[in-house]
Amino acid sequence: MDYIDKWKKHIKVVHLHNVEFYNNKYTWVPVHPSHEMDNSHFNVKDLIYKLSTSPSVFFIFEHTPHTNPTESFVNEGINWVMEIIGV
């Protein structure tokens, strides 16, 4: 978080995803609240909030398409992020 504070006023775009590892390779997956407690994904809630306080920041939701998440899973993640940042 100290690193984020250092650069906070310069951060304008956040490419938002989590990571899953398969056979020593990683793929991008949509952020989702279930990831925060599963001990398999990075905890990103506090980081998302911290980044949301940067002036004029916006988020781009990304994931590797072949992970094929359901529409509801993606939407749950989007709604979760909106709650975190107060939208």
N, C-alpha and C. Protein backbone atom coordinates (compact mmCIF):
# COMPACT_ATOMS: atom_id res chain seq x y z
N MET A 1 0.81 -1.19 0.00
CA MET A 1 0.00 0.00 0.00
C MET A 1 0.86 1.26 0.00
N ASP A 2 2.03 1.19 0.61
CA ASP A 2 2.92 2.36 0.59
C ASP A 2 3.32 2.71 -0.84
N TYR A 3 3.55 1.69 -1.64
CA TYR A 3 3.91 1.91 -3.04
C TYR A 3 2.78 2.63 -3.78
N ILE A 4 1.56 2.22 -3.51
CA ILE A 4 0.40 2.86 -4.14
C ILE A 4 0.30 4.32 -3.70
N ASP A 5 0.49 4.56 -2.41
CA ASP A 5 0.44 5.94 -1.92
C ASP A 5 1.45 6.82 -2.64
N LYS A 6 2.62 6.28 -2.88
CA LYS A 6 3.69 7.05 -3.53
C LYS A 6 3.26 7.53 -4.92
N TRP A 7 2.56 6.69 -5.66
CA TRP A 7 2.21 6.98 -7.05
C TRP A 7 0.74 7.34 -7.25
N LYS A 8 -0.02 7.42 -6.17
CA LYS A 8 -1.47 7.58 -6.24
C LYS A 8 -1.93 8.73 -7.15
N LYS A 9 -1.29 9.87 -7.06
CA LYS A 9 -1.76 11.00 -7.86
C LYS A 9 -1.48 10.83 -9.35
N HIS A 10 -0.66 9.84 -9.71
CA HIS A 10 -0.33 9.60 -11.12
C HIS A 10 -1.13 8.44 -11.72
N ILE A 11 -1.81 7.68 -10.90
CA ILE A 11 -2.55 6.52 -11.38
C ILE A 11 -3.88 6.98 -11.97
N LYS A 12 -4.11 6.67 -13.22
CA LYS A 12 -5.33 7.08 -13.91
C LYS A 12 -6.15 5.89 -14.40
N VAL A 13 -5.48 4.80 -14.75
CA VAL A 13 -6.15 3.62 -15.30
C VAL A 13 -5.70 2.39 -14.52
N VAL A 14 -6.67 1.59 -14.10
CA VAL A 14 -6.39 0.35 -13.39
C VAL A 14 -6.96 -0.81 -14.21
N HIS A 15 -6.11 -1.70 -14.65
CA HIS A 15 -6.54 -2.91 -15.35
C HIS A 15 -6.79 -3.96 -14.27
N LEU A 16 -8.04 -4.27 -14.05
CA LEU A 16 -8.46 -5.03 -12.88
C LEU A 16 -8.78 -6.48 -13.23
N HIS A 17 -8.05 -7.38 -12.59
CA HIS A 17 -8.29 -8.82 -12.73
C HIS A 17 -7.61 -9.52 -11.57
N ASN A 18 -7.89 -10.77 -11.37
CA ASN A 18 -7.16 -11.59 -10.44
C ASN A 18 -6.40 -12.63 -11.25
N VAL A 19 -5.72 -13.53 -10.57
CA VAL A 19 -4.84 -14.47 -11.25
C VAL A 19 -5.11 -15.89 -10.75
N GLU A 20 -5.11 -16.84 -11.68
CA GLU A 20 -5.14 -18.26 -11.34
C GLU A 20 -3.96 -18.92 -12.04
N PHE A 21 -3.36 -19.89 -11.37
CA PHE A 21 -2.19 -20.58 -11.89
C PHE A 21 -2.55 -22.00 -12.31
N TYR A 22 -2.14 -22.36 -13.53
CA TYR A 22 -2.33 -23.71 -14.07
C TYR A 22 -1.03 -24.15 -14.71
N ASN A 23 -0.49 -25.27 -14.28
CA ASN A 23 0.74 -25.82 -14.86
C ASN A 23 1.85 -24.77 -14.95
N ASN A 24 2.07 -24.05 -13.86
CA ASN A 24 3.11 -23.02 -13.77
C ASN A 24 2.89 -21.85 -14.72
N LYS A 25 1.68 -21.68 -15.20
CA LYS A 25 1.31 -20.52 -16.03
C LYS A 25 0.15 -19.82 -15.34
N TYR A 26 0.04 -18.53 -15.57
CA TYR A 26 -1.05 -17.81 -14.96
C TYR A 26 -2.03 -17.31 -16.01
N THR A 27 -3.27 -17.18 -15.58
CA THR A 27 -4.31 -16.60 -16.43
C THR A 27 -5.02 -15.52 -15.62
N TRP A 28 -5.56 -14.56 -16.33
CA TRP A 28 -6.32 -13.51 -15.70
C TRP A 28 -7.77 -13.95 -15.56
N VAL A 29 -8.31 -13.75 -14.38
CA VAL A 29 -9.71 -14.08 -14.12
C VAL A 29 -10.41 -12.84 -13.56
N PRO A 30 -11.72 -12.75 -13.73
CA PRO A 30 -12.42 -11.58 -13.18
C PRO A 30 -12.27 -11.53 -11.66
N VAL A 31 -12.22 -10.31 -11.12
CA VAL A 31 -12.23 -10.18 -9.67
C VAL A 31 -13.61 -10.60 -9.17
N HIS A 32 -13.64 -11.17 -7.96
CA HIS A 32 -14.90 -11.67 -7.41
C HIS A 32 -14.75 -11.72 -5.89
N PRO A 33 -15.83 -11.41 -5.16
CA PRO A 33 -15.72 -11.42 -3.69
C PRO A 33 -15.33 -12.77 -3.11
N SER A 34 -15.67 -13.86 -3.77
CA SER A 34 -15.33 -15.19 -3.26
C SER A 34 -13.82 -15.42 -3.20
N HIS A 35 -13.07 -14.65 -3.97
CA HIS A 35 -11.61 -14.81 -3.99
C HIS A 35 -10.96 -14.32 -2.71
N GLU A 36 -11.62 -13.44 -1.99
CA GLU A 36 -11.00 -12.81 -0.82
C GLU A 36 -10.72 -13.80 0.30
N MET A 37 -11.45 -14.87 0.37
CA MET A 37 -11.32 -15.80 1.49
C MET A 37 -10.92 -17.22 1.08
N ASP A 38 -10.56 -17.43 -0.17
CA ASP A 38 -10.34 -18.81 -0.61
C ASP A 38 -8.89 -19.28 -0.54
N ASN A 39 -7.97 -18.42 -0.16
CA ASN A 39 -6.55 -18.76 -0.05
C ASN A 39 -5.93 -19.25 -1.36
N SER A 40 -6.59 -18.98 -2.48
CA SER A 40 -6.06 -19.35 -3.79
C SER A 40 -5.80 -18.14 -4.67
N HIS A 41 -6.45 -17.04 -4.35
CA HIS A 41 -6.35 -15.83 -5.15
C HIS A 41 -5.76 -14.70 -4.31
N PHE A 42 -5.35 -13.66 -4.99
CA PHE A 42 -4.86 -12.49 -4.29
C PHE A 42 -6.04 -11.74 -3.67
N ASN A 43 -5.84 -11.23 -2.47
CA ASN A 43 -6.85 -10.38 -1.84
C ASN A 43 -6.71 -8.99 -2.44
N VAL A 44 -7.76 -8.51 -3.08
CA VAL A 44 -7.66 -7.24 -3.80
C VAL A 44 -8.61 -6.16 -3.29
N LYS A 45 -9.47 -6.49 -2.34
CA LYS A 45 -10.47 -5.53 -1.89
C LYS A 45 -9.83 -4.23 -1.40
N ASP A 46 -8.87 -4.30 -0.50
CA ASP A 46 -8.26 -3.09 0.04
C ASP A 46 -7.51 -2.32 -1.05
N LEU A 47 -6.88 -3.04 -1.95
CA LEU A 47 -6.16 -2.40 -3.05
C LEU A 47 -7.13 -1.67 -3.98
N ILE A 48 -8.26 -2.29 -4.28
CA ILE A 48 -9.26 -1.64 -5.13
C ILE A 48 -9.73 -0.35 -4.47
N TYR A 49 -10.03 -0.43 -3.17
CA TYR A 49 -10.48 0.78 -2.49
C TYR A 49 -9.41 1.86 -2.54
N LYS A 50 -8.18 1.50 -2.22
CA LYS A 50 -7.08 2.47 -2.22
C LYS A 50 -6.93 3.12 -3.59
N LEU A 51 -6.95 2.31 -4.64
CA LEU A 51 -6.81 2.85 -5.99
C LEU A 51 -7.99 3.73 -6.37
N SER A 52 -9.17 3.43 -5.85
CA SER A 52 -10.35 4.22 -6.20
C SER A 52 -10.29 5.64 -5.65
N THR A 53 -9.40 5.87 -4.70
CA THR A 53 -9.28 7.22 -4.14
C THR A 53 -8.28 8.08 -4.91
N SER A 54 -7.68 7.53 -5.94
CA SER A 54 -6.80 8.32 -6.81
C SER A 54 -7.66 9.27 -7.63
N PRO A 55 -7.20 10.49 -7.85
CA PRO A 55 -8.01 11.44 -8.62
C PRO A 55 -8.19 10.98 -10.07
N SER A 56 -9.42 11.00 -10.53
CA SER A 56 -9.76 10.70 -11.93
C SER A 56 -9.40 9.28 -12.37
N VAL A 57 -9.34 8.34 -11.47
CA VAL A 57 -9.01 6.96 -11.84
C VAL A 57 -10.24 6.27 -12.44
N PHE A 58 -9.99 5.36 -13.38
CA PHE A 58 -11.07 4.49 -13.83
C PHE A 58 -10.54 3.08 -13.99
N PHE A 59 -11.46 2.13 -13.85
CA PHE A 59 -11.12 0.71 -13.86
C PHE A 59 -11.51 0.07 -15.18
N ILE A 60 -10.65 -0.78 -15.68
CA ILE A 60 -10.93 -1.60 -16.85
C ILE A 60 -10.95 -3.04 -16.36
N PHE A 61 -12.09 -3.68 -16.49
CA PHE A 61 -12.21 -5.07 -16.06
C PHE A 61 -11.66 -5.97 -17.16
N GLU A 62 -10.76 -6.85 -16.78
CA GLU A 62 -10.12 -7.74 -17.76
C GLU A 62 -10.12 -9.17 -17.25
N HIS A 63 -10.13 -10.10 -18.18
CA HIS A 63 -9.85 -11.50 -17.89
C HIS A 63 -9.45 -12.19 -19.18
N THR A 64 -8.78 -13.29 -19.04
CA THR A 64 -8.38 -14.09 -20.19
C THR A 64 -9.62 -14.82 -20.70
N PRO A 65 -10.01 -14.58 -21.94
CA PRO A 65 -11.31 -15.10 -22.42
C PRO A 65 -11.49 -16.61 -22.29
N HIS A 66 -10.44 -17.39 -22.48
CA HIS A 66 -10.64 -18.84 -22.46
C HIS A 66 -10.97 -19.38 -21.06
N THR A 67 -10.90 -18.52 -20.03
CA THR A 67 -11.33 -18.97 -18.71
C THR A 67 -12.84 -19.12 -18.66
N ASN A 68 -13.55 -18.45 -19.59
CA ASN A 68 -14.98 -18.61 -19.81
C ASN A 68 -15.83 -18.49 -18.53
N PRO A 69 -15.69 -17.37 -17.81
CA PRO A 69 -16.52 -17.20 -16.62
C PRO A 69 -17.98 -16.97 -17.02
N THR A 70 -18.88 -17.31 -16.14
CA THR A 70 -20.30 -17.07 -16.44
C THR A 70 -20.58 -15.57 -16.37
N GLU A 71 -21.63 -15.18 -17.04
CA GLU A 71 -22.04 -13.76 -17.01
C GLU A 71 -22.37 -13.34 -15.58
N SER A 72 -23.02 -14.22 -14.82
CA SER A 72 -23.38 -13.87 -13.44
C SER A 72 -22.13 -13.70 -12.58
N PHE A 73 -21.11 -14.53 -12.78
CA PHE A 73 -19.86 -14.41 -12.02
C PHE A 73 -19.21 -13.06 -12.30
N VAL A 74 -19.14 -12.68 -13.57
CA VAL A 74 -18.56 -11.39 -13.96
C VAL A 74 -19.37 -10.25 -13.36
N ASN A 75 -20.68 -10.32 -13.47
CA ASN A 75 -21.54 -9.26 -12.94
C ASN A 75 -21.45 -9.15 -11.42
N GLU A 76 -21.33 -10.27 -10.73
CA GLU A 76 -21.14 -10.24 -9.28
C GLU A 76 -19.85 -9.51 -8.92
N GLY A 77 -18.79 -9.75 -9.68
CA GLY A 77 -17.53 -9.07 -9.45
C GLY A 77 -17.64 -7.58 -9.72
N ILE A 78 -18.32 -7.21 -10.78
CA ILE A 78 -18.51 -5.79 -11.10
C ILE A 78 -19.31 -5.11 -9.99
N ASN A 79 -20.39 -5.73 -9.56
CA ASN A 79 -21.20 -5.15 -8.48
C ASN A 79 -20.41 -5.03 -7.18
N TRP A 80 -19.58 -6.01 -6.89
CA TRP A 80 -18.73 -5.99 -5.70
C TRP A 80 -17.78 -4.81 -5.76
N VAL A 81 -17.14 -4.59 -6.89
CA VAL A 81 -16.23 -3.46 -7.04
C VAL A 81 -16.99 -2.15 -6.89
N MET A 82 -18.17 -2.07 -7.45
CA MET A 82 -18.97 -0.84 -7.32
C MET A 82 -19.29 -0.56 -5.85
N GLU A 83 -19.57 -1.59 -5.07
CA GLU A 83 -19.80 -1.40 -3.63
C GLU A 83 -18.53 -0.90 -2.93
N ILE A 84 -17.40 -1.47 -3.28
CA ILE A 84 -16.13 -1.09 -2.65
C ILE A 84 -15.82 0.38 -2.90
N ILE A 85 -16.04 0.81 -4.13
CA ILE A 85 -15.65 2.19 -4.48
C ILE A 85 -16.77 3.19 -4.25
N GLY A 86 -17.93 2.70 -3.80
CA GLY A 86 -19.02 3.60 -3.45
C GLY A 86 -19.79 4.17 -4.61
N VAL A 87 -19.97 3.36 -5.64
CA VAL A 87 -20.75 3.81 -6.81
C VAL A 87 -22.15 3.27 -6.71
